[in-house]
Amino acid sequence: MNEKKDITKEYSNGEVTIVWKPNVCIHSERCFHGLPKVFDPKARPWINALGASSPQIVEQVKKCPSGALSYYFNEQGPASEASLTGGEERMVEVTPNGPLLVHGQITIKHPDGNLTRKETKTAFCRCGASGNKPFCDGSHRKVGFEG
């Protein structure tokens, strides 16, 4: 199995911190279409936490379907996994022509026996074309997956 490095980056405006996990991203593009002054894929770094107010940032980050983007308020520090997921309940959401989204804490056991812990949201490939299986990488759009 090809293990990808688990990368997490943080960007702060002093009040709120945006947490980005690129290996979780399914490239739905909701972030930069919704708040382009903060999320600009052509800029480096691509997240400008000073580009909008904290409430605008929080509302946009909440729209991330994969959980690649999350946030925490600096005064409170990073939230515990239980508070991010709302407890132990899990929900599976079938997205039209896209991945399965699992909401809640889960542990994935890979064929080689390695375990991966995921929190809040996880996007699983349904089309079979992902280069980051079992996770979605947005390839369903390239292959014209319908389902």
Protein backbone atom coordinates (compact mmCIF):
# COMPACT_ATOMS: atom_id res chain seq x y z
CA MET A 1 0.00 0.00 0.00
CA ASN A 2 1.27 3.46 -0.89
CA GLU A 3 1.29 5.48 2.34
CA LYS A 4 0.90 9.22 1.92
CA LYS A 5 2.38 11.54 4.50
CA ASP A 6 -0.30 12.86 6.87
CA ILE A 7 0.07 16.64 6.47
CA THR A 8 -1.81 19.22 8.54
CA LYS A 9 -1.37 22.96 8.08
CA GLU A 10 -2.80 25.78 10.15
CA TYR A 11 -3.53 29.40 9.22
CA SER A 12 -4.69 31.93 11.81
CA ASN A 13 -6.01 35.48 11.88
CA GLY A 14 -5.39 35.71 15.64
CA GLU A 15 -8.97 34.83 16.55
CA VAL A 16 -9.72 31.69 14.55
CA THR A 17 -7.37 29.06 13.12
CA ILE A 18 -8.15 27.27 9.86
CA VAL A 19 -6.85 23.69 9.82
CA TRP A 20 -6.19 22.13 6.41
CA LYS A 21 -5.50 18.44 5.75
CA PRO A 22 -4.65 18.20 2.03
CA ASN A 23 -4.73 14.40 1.91
CA VAL A 24 -8.39 14.49 2.91
CA CYS A 25 -9.42 17.07 0.28
CA ILE A 26 -11.80 15.87 -2.47
CA HIS A 27 -11.42 19.13 -4.45
CA SER A 28 -15.11 20.08 -4.32
CA GLU A 29 -13.93 23.70 -4.71
CA ARG A 30 -16.61 24.96 -2.30
CA CYS A 31 -14.00 26.82 -0.26
CA PHE A 32 -12.64 29.09 -2.97
CA HIS A 33 -15.92 29.52 -4.81
CA GLY A 34 -17.56 30.53 -1.54
CA LEU A 35 -14.83 32.75 -0.06
CA PRO A 36 -12.14 33.50 -2.67
CA LYS A 37 -10.46 36.22 -0.58
CA VAL A 38 -9.51 33.54 1.94
CA PHE A 39 -9.14 30.44 -0.25
CA ASP A 40 -7.16 31.09 -3.45
CA PRO A 41 -5.59 27.97 -5.01
CA LYS A 42 -3.33 30.12 -7.20
CA ALA A 43 -1.77 31.97 -4.23
CA ARG A 44 0.99 30.70 -1.93
CA PRO A 45 0.03 30.08 0.75
CA TRP A 46 -3.39 29.36 -0.68
CA ILE A 47 -5.21 30.22 2.57
CA ASN A 48 -5.24 33.86 3.71
CA ALA A 49 -6.84 33.88 7.15
CA LEU A 50 -6.90 37.69 7.08
CA GLY A 51 -9.07 37.80 3.93
CA ALA A 52 -12.45 37.80 5.71
CA SER A 53 -14.02 38.08 9.15
CA SER A 54 -13.86 35.15 11.54
CA PRO A 55 -17.62 34.45 11.28
CA GLN A 56 -17.37 34.37 7.46
CA ILE A 57 -14.43 31.97 7.66
CA VAL A 58 -16.22 29.67 10.11
CA GLU A 59 -19.37 29.53 7.96
CA GLN A 60 -17.37 28.70 4.83
CA VAL A 61 -15.21 26.06 6.51
CA LYS A 62 -18.37 24.34 7.79
CA LYS A 63 -19.36 23.81 4.13
CA CYS A 64 -16.30 21.64 3.40
CA PRO A 65 -17.80 18.25 2.49
CA SER A 66 -14.73 16.13 3.24
CA GLY A 67 -13.49 17.58 6.52
CA ALA A 68 -10.23 18.64 4.87
CA LEU A 69 -10.92 22.08 6.32
CA SER A 70 -11.80 22.60 9.96
CA TYR A 71 -11.32 25.42 12.44
CA TYR A 72 -10.97 26.28 16.08
CA PHE A 73 -11.16 29.49 18.05
CA ASN A 74 -7.72 30.36 19.40
CA GLU A 75 -9.03 31.21 22.90
CA GLN A 76 -10.45 27.69 23.22
CA GLY A 77 -7.70 25.80 21.43
CA PRO A 78 -8.27 22.76 19.20
CA ALA A 79 -11.50 20.93 20.02
CA SER A 80 -11.55 17.35 21.16
CA GLU A 81 -12.58 14.75 18.60
CA ALA A 82 -15.83 14.05 20.49
CA SER A 83 -16.94 17.67 20.35
CA LEU A 84 -16.09 17.91 16.64
CA THR A 85 -18.17 14.90 15.75
CA GLY A 86 -21.03 15.38 18.17
CA GLY A 87 -20.26 12.21 20.13
CA GLU A 88 -20.26 8.61 19.03
CA GLU A 89 -23.06 8.66 16.46
CA ARG A 90 -21.99 8.23 12.85
CA MET A 91 -23.84 9.00 9.67
CA VAL A 92 -23.12 7.91 6.09
CA GLU A 93 -24.14 10.34 3.36
CA VAL A 94 -24.26 9.30 -0.29
CA THR A 95 -23.40 12.34 -2.38
CA PRO A 96 -24.80 12.54 -5.91
CA ASN A 97 -22.13 11.44 -8.40
CA GLY A 98 -19.50 11.64 -5.67
CA PRO A 99 -18.06 9.98 -2.60
CA LEU A 100 -19.59 8.40 0.47
CA LEU A 101 -19.19 10.86 3.34
CA VAL A 102 -18.92 9.33 6.79
CA HIS A 103 -19.63 11.82 9.57
CA GLY A 104 -18.15 10.96 12.97
CA GLN A 105 -15.12 9.26 14.41
CA ILE A 106 -14.02 6.12 12.62
CA THR A 107 -11.01 3.85 12.40
CA ILE A 108 -10.10 2.32 9.04
CA LYS A 109 -8.24 -0.98 8.97
CA HIS A 110 -6.17 -1.26 5.77
CA PRO A 111 -5.38 -4.59 4.05
CA ASP A 112 -1.85 -4.51 5.51
CA GLY A 113 -3.29 -4.21 9.03
CA ASN A 114 -2.40 -0.54 9.55
CA LEU A 115 -5.07 1.58 11.20
CA THR A 116 -6.02 5.14 10.28
CA ARG A 117 -8.12 7.22 12.68
CA LYS A 118 -10.42 9.81 11.09
CA GLU A 119 -12.51 12.49 12.73
CA THR A 120 -15.47 14.70 11.77
CA LYS A 121 -15.89 13.74 8.06
CA THR A 122 -14.26 11.19 5.80
CA ALA A 123 -14.88 10.89 2.05
CA PHE A 124 -14.63 7.37 0.63
CA CYS A 125 -14.24 6.67 -3.10
CA ARG A 126 -17.30 5.18 -4.83
CA CYS A 127 -16.09 5.40 -8.43
CA GLY A 128 -12.95 3.25 -8.14
CA ALA A 129 -10.71 5.83 -9.83
CA SER A 130 -9.16 7.48 -6.76
CA GLY A 131 -5.39 7.55 -6.53
CA ASN A 132 -5.73 7.71 -2.72
CA LYS A 133 -7.98 4.68 -2.07
CA PRO A 134 -10.01 4.04 -0.05
CA PHE A 135 -10.39 7.82 0.17
CA CYS A 136 -11.86 10.08 -2.51
CA ASP A 137 -9.48 12.42 -4.33
CA GLY A 138 -12.02 13.99 -6.69
CA SER A 139 -11.33 11.60 -9.59
CA HIS A 140 -15.07 10.88 -9.96
CA ARG A 141 -15.39 14.16 -11.89
CA LYS A 142 -12.61 13.20 -14.32
CA VAL A 143 -14.10 9.79 -15.10
CA GLY A 144 -17.70 10.98 -15.32
CA PHE A 145 -18.92 8.82 -12.45
CA GLU A 146 -22.69 8.76 -12.00
CA GLY A 147 -24.34 7.14 -9.06
